[in-house]
Amino acid sequence: MSYLKKHAKAIKFVAKIILSIAALYYVFSKIDIEQTFVAIKGINGGLLLLSIFIYAVSQVVSAFRLNTFYRYVPVQISTTVNMKLYWMGMFYNLFLPGGIGGDGYKVYLINKYYHTSIKRLVGTVLADRLSGLSVILVYLCALVYFIDYDLSVVAVPEGGIKMIHDLLRWVNPFLNYFVLFIPLVVLGYFMYLRLFSRHLTGATWKVLLLSIVIQGLQMISAIIILKSMGTELAGRQDDYVFLFLLSSVMSAIPISLGGLGLREVTFMFGSQYLGLNQDHAVAMSLLFYFISLFVSVFGGYYAYRPKAIFAD
């Protein structure tokens, strides 16, 4: 038992690697790998660069969103320092095998340099994450009305799980009414802040607006990736975006390497149900993950030299 406690961080990291590899192996065993990599190799470089740029802009807006919350802690962090902290956190979350994570390390550094309540900082980070998740749910509820589906007549896809399929068929008649849940999602987020982080409620609407912009930019980035591969969209953008958002929810579950594997499984099954180009859907998922890696790598400097974050 003492050995497990001593090496808990390493064990968790290895478990995440194993799960991601297993999930990717499963996906690649079910799709046409050759077609997937043909799509990736034939990508339009100019459009890919545009997608990277838009994703990077979404992360800049994300940093502003978090700093909006910091003002209500209150802690006055300059825009420059906040941006460095944010990029360091991105790198830490994706590249460094630690139990504390990028968010935890940011809390530690802010507490060290600004002598701010750890409890309030942890609550702020959680509120920031939940704002993003809330807006994803809002987009999902809205997009359900526009996606092309009829789960009642779709057979269980090859390799699919019958129990999940039966659940989807049961939900099918109610999907057009999911838009009615949007006010409940927003109200639920506001009530969460009122109950657990009352001092942050003043930032609610600005933060939600920024979250809408962030997710909007990332959806645009995903669509540009598809266009760069020459994917035939023909009015199916809503379907691909719906799966992209659903995969974002799945990747937030902290059991894999930054969502690697979970995203691809979501796209594999989702594209079967919605009749999308499965190979291109999985390719887009992989490319988006590597774009996030590329953008995050620039935070490595501050991950290894944290004192530089606070240098004038």
Protein backbone atom coordinates (compact mmCIF):
# COMPACT_ATOMS: atom_id res chain seq x y z
CA MET A 1 0.00 0.00 0.00
CA SER A 2 2.81 2.40 0.86
CA TYR A 3 4.42 1.66 -2.51
CA LEU A 4 1.19 2.57 -4.31
CA LYS A 5 0.86 5.83 -2.37
CA LYS A 6 4.49 6.72 -3.02
CA HIS A 7 4.18 6.18 -6.76
CA ALA A 8 0.54 7.22 -7.19
CA LYS A 9 1.37 10.04 -9.63
CA ALA A 10 3.48 7.80 -11.86
CA ILE A 11 0.86 5.04 -11.78
CA LYS A 12 -1.92 7.47 -12.78
CA PHE A 13 0.20 8.82 -15.62
CA VAL A 14 1.02 5.33 -16.92
CA ALA A 15 -2.67 4.39 -16.65
CA LYS A 16 -3.60 7.42 -18.77
CA ILE A 17 -1.03 6.43 -21.40
CA ILE A 18 -2.35 2.87 -21.49
CA LEU A 19 -5.96 4.03 -21.80
CA SER A 20 -5.15 6.48 -24.61
CA ILE A 21 -3.16 3.85 -26.52
CA ALA A 22 -5.90 1.24 -26.03
CA ALA A 23 -8.59 3.66 -27.21
CA LEU A 24 -6.57 4.65 -30.29
CA TYR A 25 -5.84 0.99 -31.08
CA TYR A 26 -9.54 0.23 -30.89
CA VAL A 27 -10.41 3.14 -33.19
CA PHE A 28 -7.72 2.28 -35.73
CA SER A 29 -8.89 -1.35 -35.77
CA LYS A 30 -12.36 -0.19 -36.82
CA ILE A 31 -11.57 2.44 -39.46
CA ASP A 32 -9.64 2.58 -42.72
CA ILE A 33 -6.27 3.77 -41.40
CA GLU A 34 -4.91 4.28 -44.91
CA GLN A 35 -7.74 6.64 -45.84
CA THR A 36 -7.35 8.52 -42.56
CA PHE A 37 -3.67 9.21 -43.18
CA VAL A 38 -4.29 9.99 -46.85
CA ALA A 39 -6.64 12.73 -45.65
CA ILE A 40 -3.99 14.04 -43.25
CA LYS A 41 -1.17 13.93 -45.83
CA GLY A 42 -3.25 15.77 -48.42
CA ILE A 43 -4.03 18.65 -46.11
CA ASN A 44 -3.94 22.26 -47.33
CA GLY A 45 -1.06 23.88 -45.41
CA GLY A 46 -2.46 27.40 -45.61
CA LEU A 47 -5.81 26.40 -44.13
CA LEU A 48 -4.07 24.35 -41.45
CA LEU A 49 -2.05 27.42 -40.40
CA LEU A 50 -5.28 29.43 -40.27
CA SER A 51 -6.81 26.78 -38.03
CA ILE A 52 -3.79 26.88 -35.72
CA PHE A 53 -4.00 30.68 -35.54
CA ILE A 54 -7.72 30.64 -34.68
CA TYR A 55 -7.17 28.01 -31.99
CA ALA A 56 -4.34 30.11 -30.51
CA VAL A 57 -6.64 33.14 -30.45
CA SER A 58 -9.24 31.07 -28.58
CA GLN A 59 -6.62 30.35 -25.91
CA VAL A 60 -5.77 34.05 -25.62
CA VAL A 61 -9.47 34.76 -25.02
CA SER A 62 -9.50 31.90 -22.48
CA ALA A 63 -6.70 33.60 -20.58
CA PHE A 64 -8.71 36.85 -20.53
CA ARG A 65 -11.72 34.92 -19.23
CA LEU A 66 -9.74 33.51 -16.32
CA ASN A 67 -8.27 36.93 -15.52
CA THR A 68 -11.83 38.33 -15.44
CA PHE A 69 -12.52 35.93 -12.58
CA TYR A 70 -9.23 36.81 -10.86
CA ARG A 71 -10.41 40.44 -10.56
CA TYR A 72 -13.25 39.23 -8.34
CA VAL A 73 -11.06 37.07 -6.03
CA PRO A 74 -9.69 39.79 -5.80
CA VAL A 75 -6.15 39.54 -7.15
CA GLN A 76 -4.67 42.02 -9.61
CA ILE A 77 -2.62 40.08 -12.17
CA SER A 78 -1.33 41.97 -15.17
CA THR A 79 -2.37 40.82 -18.63
CA THR A 80 1.21 39.83 -19.47
CA VAL A 81 1.74 37.78 -16.31
CA ASN A 82 -1.66 36.14 -16.70
CA MET A 83 -0.88 35.15 -20.29
CA LYS A 84 2.43 33.59 -19.24
CA LEU A 85 0.71 31.72 -16.40
CA TYR A 86 -2.00 30.47 -18.73
CA TRP A 87 0.42 29.17 -21.36
CA MET A 88 2.54 27.54 -18.68
CA GLY A 89 -0.59 25.80 -17.39
CA MET A 90 -1.46 24.57 -20.88
CA PHE A 91 2.00 23.06 -21.30
CA TYR A 92 1.95 21.53 -17.84
CA ASN A 93 -1.45 19.89 -18.42
CA LEU A 94 -0.41 18.24 -21.68
CA PHE A 95 3.27 17.45 -21.30
CA LEU A 96 4.27 17.00 -17.68
CA PRO A 97 3.31 13.83 -15.78
CA GLY A 98 2.32 15.33 -12.46
CA GLY A 99 -0.60 14.91 -10.11
CA ILE A 100 -0.96 18.64 -9.48
CA GLY A 101 -1.63 19.64 -13.09
CA GLY A 102 -1.28 23.04 -14.71
CA ASP A 103 -4.24 24.55 -12.86
CA GLY A 104 -2.89 23.42 -9.49
CA TYR A 105 0.54 24.83 -10.26
CA LYS A 106 -0.97 28.18 -11.24
CA VAL A 107 -2.82 28.28 -7.93
CA TYR A 108 0.44 27.55 -6.12
CA LEU A 109 2.35 30.32 -7.94
CA ILE A 110 -0.37 32.95 -7.52
CA ASN A 111 -0.63 32.15 -3.82
CA LYS A 112 3.15 32.38 -3.50
CA TYR A 113 3.57 35.71 -5.30
CA TYR A 114 0.27 37.42 -4.47
CA HIS A 115 -0.55 35.83 -1.07
CA THR A 116 -4.12 35.09 -2.12
CA SER A 117 -6.49 32.56 -0.54
CA ILE A 118 -5.87 29.09 -1.99
CA LYS A 119 -9.51 28.17 -1.43
CA ARG A 120 -10.70 31.15 -3.50
CA LEU A 121 -8.14 30.44 -6.24
CA VAL A 122 -9.17 26.79 -6.51
CA GLY A 123 -12.82 27.86 -6.66
CA THR A 124 -11.95 30.35 -9.40
CA VAL A 125 -10.20 27.74 -11.54
CA LEU A 126 -13.15 25.37 -11.13
CA ALA A 127 -15.66 28.12 -11.97
CA ASP A 128 -13.63 28.93 -15.09
CA ARG A 129 -13.67 25.31 -16.23
CA LEU A 130 -17.39 24.98 -15.56
CA SER A 131 -18.15 28.13 -17.56
CA GLY A 132 -16.59 26.49 -20.60
CA LEU A 133 -18.48 23.24 -20.02
CA SER A 134 -21.76 25.12 -19.55
CA VAL A 135 -21.39 26.91 -22.88
CA ILE A 136 -20.52 23.63 -24.63
CA LEU A 137 -23.78 22.20 -23.26
CA VAL A 138 -25.63 25.28 -24.50
CA TYR A 139 -24.19 24.83 -28.00
CA LEU A 140 -25.02 21.10 -27.93
CA CYS A 141 -28.63 21.76 -26.91
CA ALA A 142 -28.98 24.28 -29.74
CA LEU A 143 -27.27 22.11 -32.39
CA VAL A 144 -29.40 19.02 -31.69
CA TYR A 145 -32.22 20.76 -33.55
CA PHE A 146 -30.08 21.15 -36.69
CA ILE A 147 -28.15 17.87 -36.94
CA ASP A 148 -29.24 15.21 -39.45
CA TYR A 149 -30.27 12.15 -37.44
CA ASP A 150 -32.98 9.59 -36.90
CA LEU A 151 -31.70 7.20 -34.27
CA SER A 152 -34.95 5.24 -34.31
CA VAL A 153 -34.07 3.66 -37.68
CA VAL A 154 -30.29 3.29 -37.22
CA ALA A 155 -28.98 -0.20 -36.49
CA VAL A 156 -26.30 -0.77 -33.89
CA PRO A 157 -23.03 0.27 -35.61
CA GLU A 158 -20.30 -2.33 -35.97
CA GLY A 159 -18.50 -2.52 -32.64
CA GLY A 160 -21.20 -0.40 -31.01
CA ILE A 161 -22.60 -0.95 -27.53
CA LYS A 162 -26.26 -2.05 -27.68
CA MET A 163 -27.18 -0.57 -24.29
CA ILE A 164 -25.97 2.89 -25.37
CA HIS A 165 -27.72 2.49 -28.71
CA ASP A 166 -31.02 1.58 -27.02
CA LEU A 167 -30.68 4.61 -24.74
CA LEU A 168 -30.15 6.90 -27.74
CA ARG A 169 -33.19 5.47 -29.49
CA TRP A 170 -35.27 6.10 -26.35
CA VAL A 171 -34.05 9.71 -26.17
CA ASN A 172 -34.57 10.27 -29.91
CA PRO A 173 -38.17 11.66 -29.74
CA PHE A 174 -37.12 14.30 -27.21
CA LEU A 175 -34.01 15.62 -28.98
CA ASN A 176 -35.81 18.50 -30.74
CA TYR A 177 -36.78 19.87 -27.34
CA PHE A 178 -33.26 19.99 -25.92
CA VAL A 179 -33.10 23.69 -26.80
CA LEU A 180 -35.45 24.24 -23.84
CA PHE A 181 -32.63 23.17 -21.51
CA ILE A 182 -30.46 26.16 -22.46
CA PRO A 183 -31.94 28.55 -19.83
CA LEU A 184 -31.61 25.77 -17.23
CA VAL A 185 -27.91 25.32 -18.02
CA VAL A 186 -27.25 29.06 -17.66
CA LEU A 187 -29.33 29.25 -14.47
CA GLY A 188 -27.58 26.19 -13.08
CA TYR A 189 -24.17 27.78 -13.63
CA PHE A 190 -25.28 31.04 -12.00
CA MET A 191 -26.69 29.13 -9.00
CA TYR A 192 -23.42 27.20 -8.68
CA LEU A 193 -21.53 30.48 -8.37
CA ARG A 194 -24.08 31.82 -5.88
CA LEU A 195 -23.74 28.74 -3.69
CA PHE A 196 -20.01 28.01 -3.86
CA SER A 197 -18.23 31.14 -5.16
CA ARG A 198 -20.58 34.02 -4.39
CA HIS A 199 -17.81 36.59 -4.85
CA LEU A 200 -17.55 35.60 -8.53
CA THR A 201 -21.20 36.13 -9.50
CA GLY A 202 -20.49 39.66 -10.76
CA ALA A 203 -18.42 38.16 -13.57
CA THR A 204 -21.10 35.66 -14.71
CA TRP A 205 -22.35 37.29 -17.91
CA LYS A 206 -18.98 38.54 -19.11
CA VAL A 207 -17.43 35.12 -18.53
CA LEU A 208 -20.27 33.31 -20.32
CA LEU A 209 -19.98 35.71 -23.26
CA LEU A 210 -16.24 35.06 -23.46
CA SER A 211 -16.92 31.31 -23.27
CA ILE A 212 -19.31 31.61 -26.23
CA VAL A 213 -16.55 33.34 -28.21
CA ILE A 214 -13.95 30.73 -27.18
CA GLN A 215 -16.05 27.74 -28.19
CA GLY A 216 -17.13 29.52 -31.36
CA LEU A 217 -13.51 30.05 -32.38
CA GLN A 218 -12.66 26.41 -31.68
CA MET A 219 -15.62 25.22 -33.74
CA ILE A 220 -14.41 27.40 -36.61
CA SER A 221 -10.92 25.94 -36.20
CA ALA A 222 -12.36 22.42 -36.43
CA ILE A 223 -14.38 23.21 -39.57
CA ILE A 224 -11.30 24.73 -41.23
CA ILE A 225 -9.40 21.50 -40.50
CA LEU A 226 -12.11 19.58 -42.34
CA LYS A 227 -12.01 22.01 -45.26
CA SER A 228 -8.21 21.73 -45.37
CA MET A 229 -8.59 17.95 -45.91
CA GLY A 230 -11.15 18.48 -48.67
CA THR A 231 -13.94 16.90 -46.64
CA GLU A 232 -17.31 17.02 -48.41
CA LEU A 233 -19.38 19.04 -45.95
CA ALA A 234 -22.48 19.76 -48.07
CA GLY A 235 -24.51 21.19 -45.22
CA ARG A 236 -23.15 18.72 -42.65
CA GLN A 237 -21.10 21.31 -40.73
CA ASP A 238 -23.59 21.20 -37.86
CA ASP A 239 -23.16 17.43 -37.52
CA TYR A 240 -19.36 17.62 -37.41
CA VAL A 241 -19.47 20.54 -34.95
CA PHE A 242 -21.93 18.64 -32.74
CA LEU A 243 -19.53 15.68 -32.55
CA PHE A 244 -16.61 18.05 -31.96
CA LEU A 245 -18.37 19.58 -28.95
CA LEU A 246 -19.45 16.17 -27.66
CA SER A 247 -15.84 14.98 -27.93
CA SER A 248 -14.74 18.06 -25.96
CA VAL A 249 -17.01 16.98 -23.10
CA MET A 250 -15.58 13.46 -23.24
CA SER A 251 -11.99 14.70 -23.31
CA ALA A 252 -12.62 16.70 -20.13
CA ILE A 253 -12.84 13.39 -18.25
CA PRO A 254 -9.33 13.16 -16.65
CA ILE A 255 -8.59 9.54 -17.54
CA SER A 256 -6.49 9.98 -20.68
CA LEU A 257 -3.68 12.15 -22.04
CA GLY A 258 -5.46 15.43 -22.74
CA GLY A 259 -8.46 13.56 -24.13
CA LEU A 260 -6.37 11.60 -26.66
CA GLY A 261 -8.29 8.45 -27.53
CA LEU A 262 -11.58 9.57 -25.98
CA ARG A 263 -12.07 12.20 -28.69
CA GLU A 264 -11.37 9.67 -31.43
CA VAL A 265 -13.76 7.07 -29.97
CA THR A 266 -16.49 9.75 -29.84
CA PHE A 267 -15.89 10.71 -33.48
CA MET A 268 -15.77 7.08 -34.61
CA PHE A 269 -19.12 6.11 -33.11
CA GLY A 270 -20.74 9.50 -33.70
CA SER A 271 -19.85 9.56 -37.39
CA GLN A 272 -21.42 6.10 -37.77
CA TYR A 273 -24.70 7.25 -36.25
CA LEU A 274 -24.81 10.49 -38.24
CA GLY A 275 -23.57 9.06 -41.54
CA LEU A 276 -20.46 11.23 -41.74
CA ASN A 277 -17.06 10.51 -43.31
CA GLN A 278 -15.62 8.43 -40.48
CA ASP A 279 -12.01 8.54 -41.67
CA HIS A 280 -12.03 12.33 -42.02
CA ALA A 281 -13.82 12.75 -38.68
CA VAL A 282 -11.11 10.78 -36.84
CA ALA A 283 -8.38 12.57 -38.82
CA MET A 284 -9.84 15.93 -37.78
CA SER A 285 -9.88 14.82 -34.15
CA LEU A 286 -6.20 13.81 -34.29
CA LEU A 287 -5.18 17.02 -36.05
CA PHE A 288 -7.01 19.16 -33.51
CA TYR A 289 -5.21 17.35 -30.69
CA PHE A 290 -1.82 17.94 -32.30
CA ILE A 291 -2.70 21.59 -32.90
CA SER A 292 -3.37 21.93 -29.16
CA LEU A 293 0.00 20.30 -28.48
CA PHE A 294 1.78 22.67 -30.87
CA VAL A 295 0.19 25.78 -29.37
CA SER A 296 0.82 24.57 -25.81
CA VAL A 297 4.50 23.77 -26.34
CA PHE A 298 5.38 27.48 -26.18
CA GLY A 299 4.48 27.44 -22.48
CA GLY A 300 7.35 25.03 -21.85
CA TYR A 301 9.77 27.89 -21.23
CA TYR A 302 7.71 29.12 -18.27
CA ALA A 303 7.04 25.59 -17.00
CA TYR A 304 10.76 25.12 -16.51
CA ARG A 305 11.50 28.74 -15.55
CA PRO A 306 8.45 29.84 -13.51
CA LYS A 307 10.29 32.84 -12.05
CA ALA A 308 10.40 34.34 -15.56
CA ILE A 309 6.61 34.62 -15.46
CA PHE A 310 6.82 37.37 -12.85
CA ALA A 311 9.88 39.11 -14.25
CA ASP A 312 9.40 42.70 -15.38
